[in-house]
Amino acid sequence: FILDREHMVDIVLVDINMPRLNGMEATKLCKQNKP
């Protein structure tokens, strides 16, 4: 969702322990593109 530049989001509320990719690792990857 974050990498889709058509979507604009200001604030993300995210859990940490989640399937496939946890919230901590996902946040690190998101911030590489949208610091």
PDB file of all heavy atoms in Angstrom:
ATOM      1  N   PHE A   1       0.829  -1.210   0.000  1.00  0.00           N
ATOM      2  CA  PHE A   1       0.000   0.000   0.000  1.00  0.00           C
ATOM      3  C   PHE A   1       0.860   1.257   0.000  1.00  0.00           C
ATOM      4  O   PHE A   1       0.626   2.193  -0.775  1.00  0.00           O
ATOM      5  CB  PHE A   1      -0.924  -0.003   1.217  1.00  0.00           C
ATOM      6  CG  PHE A   1      -1.720   1.269   1.384  1.00  0.00           C
ATOM      7  CD1 PHE A   1      -2.818   1.524   0.585  1.00  0.00           C
ATOM      8  CD2 PHE A   1      -1.361   2.212   2.338  1.00  0.00           C
ATOM      9  CE1 PHE A   1      -3.546   2.702   0.727  1.00  0.00           C
ATOM     10  CE2 PHE A   1      -2.079   3.380   2.487  1.00  0.00           C
ATOM     11  CZ  PHE A   1      -3.176   3.627   1.679  1.00  0.00           C
ATOM     12  N   ILE A   2       1.871   1.296   0.863  1.00  0.00           N
ATOM     13  CA  ILE A   2       2.719   2.479   0.976  1.00  0.00           C
ATOM     14  C   ILE A   2       3.521   2.712  -0.301  1.00  0.00           C
ATOM     15  O   ILE A   2       3.718   3.864  -0.731  1.00  0.00           O
ATOM     16  CB  ILE A   2       3.670   2.347   2.186  1.00  0.00           C
ATOM     17  CG1 ILE A   2       2.877   2.370   3.501  1.00  0.00           C
ATOM     18  CG2 ILE A   2       4.715   3.467   2.184  1.00  0.00           C
ATOM     19  CD1 ILE A   2       2.087   3.637   3.737  1.00  0.00           C
ATOM     20  N   LEU A   3       3.966   1.637  -0.942  1.00  0.00           N
ATOM     21  CA  LEU A   3       4.782   1.784  -2.146  1.00  0.00           C
ATOM     22  C   LEU A   3       3.963   2.170  -3.370  1.00  0.00           C
ATOM     23  O   LEU A   3       4.519   2.566  -4.385  1.00  0.00           O
ATOM     24  CB  LEU A   3       5.543   0.484  -2.424  1.00  0.00           C
ATOM     25  CG  LEU A   3       6.584   0.096  -1.368  1.00  0.00           C
ATOM     26  CD1 LEU A   3       7.331  -1.160  -1.796  1.00  0.00           C
ATOM     27  CD2 LEU A   3       7.567   1.231  -1.119  1.00  0.00           C
ATOM     28  N   ASP A   4       2.655   2.049  -3.277  1.00  0.00           N
ATOM     29  CA  ASP A   4       1.781   2.503  -4.357  1.00  0.00           C
ATOM     30  C   ASP A   4       1.637   4.016  -4.253  1.00  0.00           C
ATOM     31  O   ASP A   4       0.940   4.533  -3.400  1.00  0.00           O
ATOM     32  CB  ASP A   4       0.414   1.834  -4.241  1.00  0.00           C
ATOM     33  CG  ASP A   4      -0.502   2.179  -5.414  1.00  0.00           C
ATOM     34  OD1 ASP A   4      -0.159   3.099  -6.187  1.00  0.00           O
ATOM     35  OD2 ASP A   4      -1.546   1.528  -5.550  1.00  0.00           O
ATOM     36  N   ARG A   5       2.307   4.750  -5.111  1.00  0.00           N
ATOM     37  CA  ARG A   5       2.376   6.211  -4.990  1.00  0.00           C
ATOM     38  C   ARG A   5       1.042   6.902  -5.273  1.00  0.00           C
ATOM     39  O   ARG A   5       0.921   8.106  -5.093  1.00  0.00           O
ATOM     40  CB  ARG A   5       3.475   6.757  -5.910  1.00  0.00           C
ATOM     41  CG  ARG A   5       4.865   6.273  -5.510  1.00  0.00           C
ATOM     42  CD  ARG A   5       5.960   6.949  -6.302  1.00  0.00           C
ATOM     43  NE  ARG A   5       7.263   6.476  -5.909  1.00  0.00           N
ATOM     44  CZ  ARG A   5       7.942   6.976  -4.875  1.00  0.00           C
ATOM     45  NH1 ARG A   5       7.421   7.951  -4.162  1.00  0.00           N
ATOM     46  NH2 ARG A   5       9.131   6.500  -4.569  1.00  0.00           N
ATOM     47  N   GLU A   6       0.039   6.156  -5.732  1.00  0.00           N
ATOM     48  CA  GLU A   6      -1.279   6.762  -5.933  1.00  0.00           C
ATOM     49  C   GLU A   6      -1.989   6.971  -4.606  1.00  0.00           C
ATOM     50  O   GLU A   6      -2.944   7.740  -4.526  1.00  0.00           O
ATOM     51  CB  GLU A   6      -2.124   5.865  -6.846  1.00  0.00           C
ATOM     52  CG  GLU A   6      -1.616   5.806  -8.280  1.00  0.00           C
ATOM     53  CD  GLU A   6      -2.544   4.993  -9.159  1.00  0.00           C
ATOM     54  OE1 GLU A   6      -3.578   4.516  -8.654  1.00  0.00           O
ATOM     55  OE2 GLU A   6      -2.226   4.836 -10.351  1.00  0.00           O
ATOM     56  N   HIS A   7      -1.536   6.277  -3.579  1.00  0.00           N
ATOM     57  CA  HIS A   7      -2.162   6.395  -2.268  1.00  0.00           C
ATOM     58  C   HIS A   7      -1.374   7.352  -1.383  1.00  0.00           C
ATOM     59  O   HIS A   7      -0.164   7.248  -1.282  1.00  0.00           O
ATOM     60  CB  HIS A   7      -2.246   5.022  -1.591  1.00  0.00           C
ATOM     61  CG  HIS A   7      -3.123   4.045  -2.315  1.00  0.00           C
ATOM     62  ND1 HIS A   7      -2.672   2.810  -2.717  1.00  0.00           N
ATOM     63  CD2 HIS A   7      -4.414   4.134  -2.721  1.00  0.00           C
ATOM     64  CE1 HIS A   7      -3.655   2.165  -3.330  1.00  0.00           C
ATOM     65  NE2 HIS A   7      -4.712   2.954  -3.346  1.00  0.00           N
ATOM     66  N   MET A   8      -2.059   8.282  -0.768  1.00  0.00           N
ATOM     67  CA  MET A   8      -1.442   9.237   0.135  1.00  0.00           C
ATOM     68  C   MET A   8      -1.880   8.925   1.560  1.00  0.00           C
ATOM     69  O   MET A   8      -3.074   8.846   1.848  1.00  0.00           O
ATOM     70  CB  MET A   8      -1.842  10.662  -0.233  1.00  0.00           C
ATOM     71  CG  MET A   8      -1.351  11.103  -1.605  1.00  0.00           C
ATOM     72  SD  MET A   8       0.459  11.117  -1.719  1.00  0.00           S
ATOM     73  CE  MET A   8       0.831  12.416  -0.541  1.00  0.00           C
ATOM     74  N   VAL A   9      -0.923   8.706   2.439  1.00  0.00           N
ATOM     75  CA  VAL A   9      -1.230   8.420   3.841  1.00  0.00           C
ATOM     76  C   VAL A   9      -0.288   9.238   4.720  1.00  0.00           C
ATOM     77  O   VAL A   9       0.895   9.392   4.400  1.00  0.00           O
ATOM     78  CB  VAL A   9      -1.115   6.912   4.142  1.00  0.00           C
ATOM     79  CG1 VAL A   9       0.292   6.408   3.909  1.00  0.00           C
ATOM     80  CG2 VAL A   9      -1.558   6.606   5.563  1.00  0.00           C
ATOM     81  N   ASP A  10      -0.823   9.797   5.792  1.00  0.00           N
ATOM     82  CA  ASP A  10      -0.023  10.613   6.706  1.00  0.00           C
ATOM     83  C   ASP A  10       0.467   9.815   7.902  1.00  0.00           C
ATOM     84  O   ASP A  10       1.609   9.975   8.346  1.00  0.00           O
ATOM     85  CB  ASP A  10      -0.855  11.802   7.217  1.00  0.00           C
ATOM     86  CG  ASP A  10      -1.311  12.709   6.093  1.00  0.00           C
ATOM     87  OD1 ASP A  10      -0.439  13.286   5.421  1.00  0.00           O
ATOM     88  OD2 ASP A  10      -2.529  12.845   5.884  1.00  0.00           O
ATOM     89  N   ILE A  11      -0.406   8.962   8.449  1.00  0.00           N
ATOM     90  CA  ILE A  11      -0.104   8.255   9.686  1.00  0.00           C
ATOM     91  C   ILE A  11      -0.481   6.784   9.534  1.00  0.00           C
ATOM     92  O   ILE A  11      -1.554   6.459   9.022  1.00  0.00           O
ATOM     93  CB  ILE A  11      -0.883   8.859  10.877  1.00  0.00           C
ATOM     94  CG1 ILE A  11      -0.589  10.362  11.000  1.00  0.00           C
ATOM     95  CG2 ILE A  11      -0.547   8.138  12.177  1.00  0.00           C
ATOM     96  CD1 ILE A  11      -1.524  11.094  11.962  1.00  0.00           C
ATOM     97  N   VAL A  12       0.414   5.918   9.993  1.00  0.00           N
ATOM     98  CA  VAL A  12       0.143   4.479   9.971  1.00  0.00           C
ATOM     99  C   VAL A  12       0.067   3.968  11.402  1.00  0.00           C
ATOM    100  O   VAL A  12       0.958   4.216  12.223  1.00  0.00           O
ATOM    101  CB  VAL A  12       1.243   3.717   9.210  1.00  0.00           C
ATOM    102  CG1 VAL A  12       1.035   2.211   9.342  1.00  0.00           C
ATOM    103  CG2 VAL A  12       1.257   4.115   7.743  1.00  0.00           C
ATOM    104  N   LEU A  13      -1.004   3.253  11.717  1.00  0.00           N
ATOM    105  CA  LEU A  13      -1.167   2.562  12.994  1.00  0.00           C
ATOM    106  C   LEU A  13      -0.944   1.090  12.714  1.00  0.00           C
ATOM    107  O   LEU A  13      -1.720   0.473  11.967  1.00  0.00           O
ATOM    108  CB  LEU A  13      -2.562   2.797  13.565  1.00  0.00           C
ATOM    109  CG  LEU A  13      -2.969   4.261  13.774  1.00  0.00           C
ATOM    110  CD1 LEU A  13      -4.437   4.364  14.142  1.00  0.00           C
ATOM    111  CD2 LEU A  13      -2.125   4.898  14.859  1.00  0.00           C
ATOM    112  N   VAL A  14       0.104   0.504  13.270  1.00  0.00           N
ATOM    113  CA  VAL A  14       0.487  -0.839  12.867  1.00  0.00           C
ATOM    114  C   VAL A  14       0.820  -1.731  14.066  1.00  0.00           C
ATOM    115  O   VAL A  14       1.483  -1.310  15.014  1.00  0.00           O
ATOM    116  CB  VAL A  14       1.677  -0.780  11.878  1.00  0.00           C
ATOM    117  CG1 VAL A  14       2.884  -0.095  12.495  1.00  0.00           C
ATOM    118  CG2 VAL A  14       2.056  -2.165  11.383  1.00  0.00           C
ATOM    119  N   ASP A  15       0.320  -2.961  14.005  1.00  0.00           N
ATOM    120  CA  ASP A  15       0.671  -3.977  14.990  1.00  0.00           C
ATOM    121  C   ASP A  15       2.070  -4.497  14.658  1.00  0.00           C
ATOM    122  O   ASP A  15       2.570  -4.280  13.549  1.00  0.00           O
ATOM    123  CB  ASP A  15      -0.363  -5.105  14.942  1.00  0.00           C
ATOM    124  CG  ASP A  15      -0.234  -6.070  16.111  1.00  0.00           C
ATOM    125  OD1 ASP A  15       0.543  -5.783  17.051  1.00  0.00           O
ATOM    126  OD2 ASP A  15      -0.909  -7.109  16.086  1.00  0.00           O
ATOM    127  N   ILE A  16       2.704  -5.197  15.584  1.00  0.00           N
ATOM    128  CA  ILE A  16       4.046  -5.730  15.332  1.00  0.00           C
ATOM    129  C   ILE A  16       3.990  -7.203  14.950  1.00  0.00           C
ATOM    130  O   ILE A  16       4.479  -7.603  13.894  1.00  0.00           O
ATOM    131  CB  ILE A  16       4.961  -5.506  16.552  1.00  0.00           C
ATOM    132  CG1 ILE A  16       5.219  -4.005  16.742  1.00  0.00           C
ATOM    133  CG2 ILE A  16       6.302  -6.243  16.355  1.00  0.00           C
ATOM    134  CD1 ILE A  16       6.094  -3.654  17.920  1.00  0.00           C
ATOM    135  N   ASN A  17       3.401  -8.037  15.787  1.00  0.00           N
ATOM    136  CA  ASN A  17       3.331  -9.474  15.498  1.00  0.00           C
ATOM    137  C   ASN A  17       2.186  -9.768  14.531  1.00  0.00           C
ATOM    138  O   ASN A  17       1.026  -9.855  14.923  1.00  0.00           O
ATOM    139  CB  ASN A  17       3.141 -10.259  16.800  1.00  0.00           C
ATOM    140  CG  ASN A  17       4.407 -10.280  17.626  1.00  0.00           C
ATOM    141  OD1 ASN A  17       5.496 -10.159  17.091  1.00  0.00           O
ATOM    142  ND2 ASN A  17       4.267 -10.425  18.923  1.00  0.00           N
ATOM    143  N   MET A  18       2.556  -9.932  13.244  1.00  0.00           N
ATOM    144  CA  MET A  18       1.563 -10.215  12.209  1.00  0.00           C
ATOM    145  C   MET A  18       2.136 -11.253  11.252  1.00  0.00           C
ATOM    146  O   MET A  18       3.358 -11.416  11.155  1.00  0.00           O
ATOM    147  CB  MET A  18       1.191  -8.942  11.445  1.00  0.00           C
ATOM    148  CG  MET A  18       0.486  -7.882  12.273  1.00  0.00           C
ATOM    149  SD  MET A  18      -0.068  -6.474  11.264  1.00  0.00           S
ATOM    150  CE  MET A  18       1.513  -5.807  10.712  1.00  0.00           C
ATOM    151  N   PRO A  19       1.285 -11.966  10.529  1.00  0.00           N
ATOM    152  CA  PRO A  19       1.768 -12.994   9.593  1.00  0.00           C
ATOM    153  C   PRO A  19       2.468 -12.386   8.379  1.00  0.00           C
ATOM    154  O   PRO A  19       2.361 -11.205   8.106  1.00  0.00           O
ATOM    155  CB  PRO A  19       0.481 -13.721   9.183  1.00  0.00           C
ATOM    156  CG  PRO A  19      -0.607 -12.718   9.401  1.00  0.00           C
ATOM    157  CD  PRO A  19      -0.181 -11.917  10.606  1.00  0.00           C
ATOM    158  N   ARG A  20       3.203 -13.261   7.691  1.00  0.00           N
ATOM    159  CA  ARG A  20       3.939 -12.950   6.452  1.00  0.00           C
ATOM    160  C   ARG A  20       5.086 -11.971   6.680  1.00  0.00           C
ATOM    161  O   ARG A  20       6.244 -12.306   6.505  1.00  0.00           O
ATOM    162  CB  ARG A  20       3.004 -12.443   5.356  1.00  0.00           C
ATOM    163  CG  ARG A  20       1.946 -13.462   4.920  1.00  0.00           C
ATOM    164  CD  ARG A  20       1.511 -13.226   3.503  1.00  0.00           C
ATOM    165  NE  ARG A  20       0.796 -11.961   3.361  1.00  0.00           N
ATOM    166  CZ  ARG A  20       0.439 -11.471   2.172  1.00  0.00           C
ATOM    167  NH1 ARG A  20       0.757 -12.105   1.048  1.00  0.00           N
ATOM    168  NH2 ARG A  20      -0.240 -10.334   2.114  1.00  0.00           N
ATOM    169  N   LEU A  21       4.781 -10.739   7.103  1.00  0.00           N
ATOM    170  CA  LEU A  21       5.821  -9.739   7.382  1.00  0.00           C
ATOM    171  C   LEU A  21       5.375  -8.941   8.592  1.00  0.00           C
ATOM    172  O   LEU A  21       4.290  -8.354   8.588  1.00  0.00           O
ATOM    173  CB  LEU A  21       6.016  -8.817   6.166  1.00  0.00           C
ATOM    174  CG  LEU A  21       7.114  -7.750   6.267  1.00  0.00           C
ATOM    175  CD1 LEU A  21       8.484  -8.412   6.353  1.00  0.00           C
ATOM    176  CD2 LEU A  21       7.055  -6.807   5.068  1.00  0.00           C
ATOM    177  N   ASN A  22       6.200  -8.942   9.661  1.00  0.00           N
ATOM    178  CA  ASN A  22       5.754  -8.252  10.876  1.00  0.00           C
ATOM    179  C   ASN A  22       5.821  -6.736  10.710  1.00  0.00           C
ATOM    180  O   ASN A  22       6.454  -6.209   9.794  1.00  0.00           O
ATOM    181  CB  ASN A  22       6.536  -8.728  12.105  1.00  0.00           C
ATOM    182  CG  ASN A  22       7.999  -8.291  12.115  1.00  0.00           C
ATOM    183  OD1 ASN A  22       8.324  -7.136  11.857  1.00  0.00           O
ATOM    184  ND2 ASN A  22       8.894  -9.216  12.420  1.00  0.00           N
ATOM    185  N   GLY A  23       5.143  -6.042  11.622  1.00  0.00           N
ATOM    186  CA  GLY A  23       5.017  -4.596  11.512  1.00  0.00           C
ATOM    187  C   GLY A  23       6.325  -3.848  11.621  1.00  0.00           C
ATOM    188  O   GLY A  23       6.514  -2.801  10.984  1.00  0.00           O
ATOM    189  N   MET A  24       7.267  -4.364  12.414  1.00  0.00           N
ATOM    190  CA  MET A  24       8.556  -3.694  12.583  1.00  0.00           C
ATOM    191  C   MET A  24       9.345  -3.713  11.278  1.00  0.00           C
ATOM    192  O   MET A  24       9.872  -2.685  10.833  1.00  0.00           O
ATOM    193  CB  MET A  24       9.352  -4.367  13.697  1.00  0.00           C
ATOM    194  CG  MET A  24      10.608  -3.628  14.105  1.00  0.00           C
ATOM    195  SD  MET A  24      10.248  -2.053  14.915  1.00  0.00           S
ATOM    196  CE  MET A  24       9.538  -2.655  16.468  1.00  0.00           C
ATOM    197  N   GLU A  25       9.444  -4.905  10.662  1.00  0.00           N
ATOM    198  CA  GLU A  25      10.196  -5.019   9.411  1.00  0.00           C
ATOM    199  C   GLU A  25       9.505  -4.259   8.283  1.00  0.00           C
ATOM    200  O   GLU A  25      10.168  -3.633   7.453  1.00  0.00           O
ATOM    201  CB  GLU A  25      10.360  -6.492   9.034  1.00  0.00           C
ATOM    202  CG  GLU A  25      11.219  -7.278  10.016  1.00  0.00           C
ATOM    203  CD  GLU A  25      12.590  -6.659  10.231  1.00  0.00           C
ATOM    204  OE1 GLU A  25      13.217  -6.256   9.217  1.00  0.00           O
ATOM    205  OE2 GLU A  25      13.026  -6.564  11.382  1.00  0.00           O
ATOM    206  N   ALA A  26       8.187  -4.297   8.267  1.00  0.00           N
ATOM    207  CA  ALA A  26       7.450  -3.559   7.242  1.00  0.00           C
ATOM    208  C   ALA A  26       7.692  -2.061   7.359  1.00  0.00           C
ATOM    209  O   ALA A  26       7.865  -1.355   6.362  1.00  0.00           O
ATOM    210  CB  ALA A  26       5.950  -3.858   7.359  1.00  0.00           C
ATOM    211  N   THR A  27       7.729  -1.561   8.601  1.00  0.00           N
ATOM    212  CA  THR A  27       7.974  -0.135   8.827  1.00  0.00           C
ATOM    213  C   THR A  27       9.357   0.272   8.333  1.00  0.00           C
ATOM    214  O   THR A  27       9.527   1.323   7.694  1.00  0.00           O
ATOM    215  CB  THR A  27       7.838   0.192  10.326  1.00  0.00           C
ATOM    216  OG1 THR A  27       6.486  -0.045  10.734  1.00  0.00           O
ATOM    217  CG2 THR A  27       8.208   1.644  10.608  1.00  0.00           C
ATOM    218  N   LYS A  28      10.354  -0.552   8.614  1.00  0.00           N
ATOM    219  CA  LYS A  28      11.714  -0.249   8.157  1.00  0.00           C
ATOM    220  C   LYS A  28      11.762  -0.133   6.635  1.00  0.00           C
ATOM    221  O   LYS A  28      12.393   0.778   6.087  1.00  0.00           O
ATOM    222  CB  LYS A  28      12.685  -1.336   8.643  1.00  0.00           C
ATOM    223  CG  LYS A  28      12.903  -1.367  10.141  1.00  0.00           C
ATOM    224  CD  LYS A  28      13.799  -2.528  10.544  1.00  0.00           C
ATOM    225  CE  LYS A  28      13.969  -2.593  12.052  1.00  0.00           C
ATOM    226  NZ  LYS A  28      14.800  -3.766  12.461  1.00  0.00           N
ATOM    227  N   LEU A  29      11.086  -1.026   5.951  1.00  0.00           N
ATOM    228  CA  LEU A  29      11.065  -1.004   4.486  1.00  0.00           C
ATOM    229  C   LEU A  29      10.275   0.193   3.966  1.00  0.00           C
ATOM    230  O   LEU A  29      10.675   0.838   2.989  1.00  0.00           O
ATOM    231  CB  LEU A  29      10.467  -2.303   3.960  1.00  0.00           C
ATOM    232  CG  LEU A  29      11.303  -3.570   4.219  1.00  0.00           C
ATOM    233  CD1 LEU A  29      10.513  -4.816   3.838  1.00  0.00           C
ATOM    234  CD2 LEU A  29      12.611  -3.516   3.441  1.00  0.00           C
ATOM    235  N   CYS A  30       9.175   0.508   4.618  1.00  0.00           N
ATOM    236  CA  CYS A  30       8.364   1.661   4.200  1.00  0.00           C
ATOM    237  C   CYS A  30       9.141   2.960   4.337  1.00  0.00           C
ATOM    238  O   CYS A  30       9.085   3.835   3.466  1.00  0.00           O
ATOM    239  CB  CYS A  30       7.086   1.741   5.031  1.00  0.00           C
ATOM    240  SG  CYS A  30       5.866   0.454   4.668  1.00  0.00           S
ATOM    241  N   LYS A  31       9.889   3.089   5.436  1.00  0.00           N
ATOM    242  CA  LYS A  31      10.609   4.333   5.692  1.00  0.00           C
ATOM    243  C   LYS A  31      11.808   4.517   4.764  1.00  0.00           C
ATOM    244  O   LYS A  31      12.318   5.627   4.623  1.00  0.00           O
ATOM    245  CB  LYS A  31      11.041   4.400   7.160  1.00  0.00           C
ATOM    246  CG  LYS A  31       9.917   4.866   8.083  1.00  0.00           C
ATOM    247  CD  LYS A  31      10.411   5.049   9.496  1.00  0.00           C
ATOM    248  CE  LYS A  31       9.415   5.864  10.308  1.00  0.00           C
ATOM    249  NZ  LYS A  31       9.436   7.284   9.953  1.00  0.00           N
ATOM    250  N   GLN A  32      12.268   3.439   4.145  1.00  0.00           N
ATOM    251  CA  GLN A  32      13.323   3.592   3.144  1.00  0.00           C
ATOM    252  C   GLN A  32      12.813   4.387   1.946  1.00  0.00           C
ATOM    253  O   GLN A  32      13.572   5.090   1.287  1.00  0.00           O
ATOM    254  CB  GLN A  32      13.809   2.214   2.692  1.00  0.00           C
ATOM    255  CG  GLN A  32      14.634   1.477   3.732  1.00  0.00           C
ATOM    256  CD  GLN A  32      15.087   0.118   3.252  1.00  0.00           C
ATOM    257  OE1 GLN A  32      14.944  -0.233   2.081  1.00  0.00           O
ATOM    258  NE2 GLN A  32      15.629  -0.678   4.156  1.00  0.00           N
ATOM    259  N   ASN A  33      11.528   4.261   1.659  1.00  0.00           N
ATOM    260  CA  ASN A  33      10.930   4.972   0.533  1.00  0.00           C
ATOM    261  C   ASN A  33      10.220   6.250   0.963  1.00  0.00           C
ATOM    262  O   ASN A  33      10.169   7.215   0.211  1.00  0.00           O
ATOM    263  CB  ASN A  33       9.935   4.045  -0.177  1.00  0.00           C
ATOM    264  CG  ASN A  33      10.612   2.924  -0.920  1.00  0.00           C
ATOM    265  OD1 ASN A  33      10.990   3.072  -2.074  1.00  0.00           O
ATOM    266  ND2 ASN A  33      10.780   1.781  -0.266  1.00  0.00           N
ATOM    267  N   LYS A  34       9.648   6.248   2.172  1.00  0.00           N
ATOM    268  CA  LYS A  34       8.946   7.422   2.679  1.00  0.00           C
ATOM    269  C   LYS A  34       9.420   7.701   4.104  1.00  0.00           C
ATOM    270  O   LYS A  34       8.734   7.369   5.081  1.00  0.00           O
ATOM    271  CB  LYS A  34       7.434   7.206   2.632  1.00  0.00           C
ATOM    272  CG  LYS A  34       6.901   7.064   1.214  1.00  0.00           C
ATOM    273  CD  LYS A  34       5.379   7.054   1.165  1.00  0.00           C
ATOM    274  CE  LYS A  34       4.896   6.990  -0.274  1.00  0.00           C
ATOM    275  NZ  LYS A  34       3.414   7.014  -0.375  1.00  0.00           N
ATOM    276  N   PRO A  35      10.609   8.292   4.245  1.00  0.00           N
ATOM    277  CA  PRO A  35      11.209   8.482   5.576  1.00  0.00           C
ATOM    278  C   PRO A  35      10.402   9.384   6.506  1.00  0.00           C
ATOM    279  O   PRO A  35      10.562   9.305   7.724  1.00  0.00           O
ATOM    280  CB  PRO A  35      12.583   9.095   5.261  1.00  0.00           C
ATOM    281  CG  PRO A  35      12.450   9.666   3.888  1.00  0.00           C
ATOM    282  CD  PRO A  35      11.487   8.788   3.179  1.00  0.00           C
TER     283      PRO A  35
END
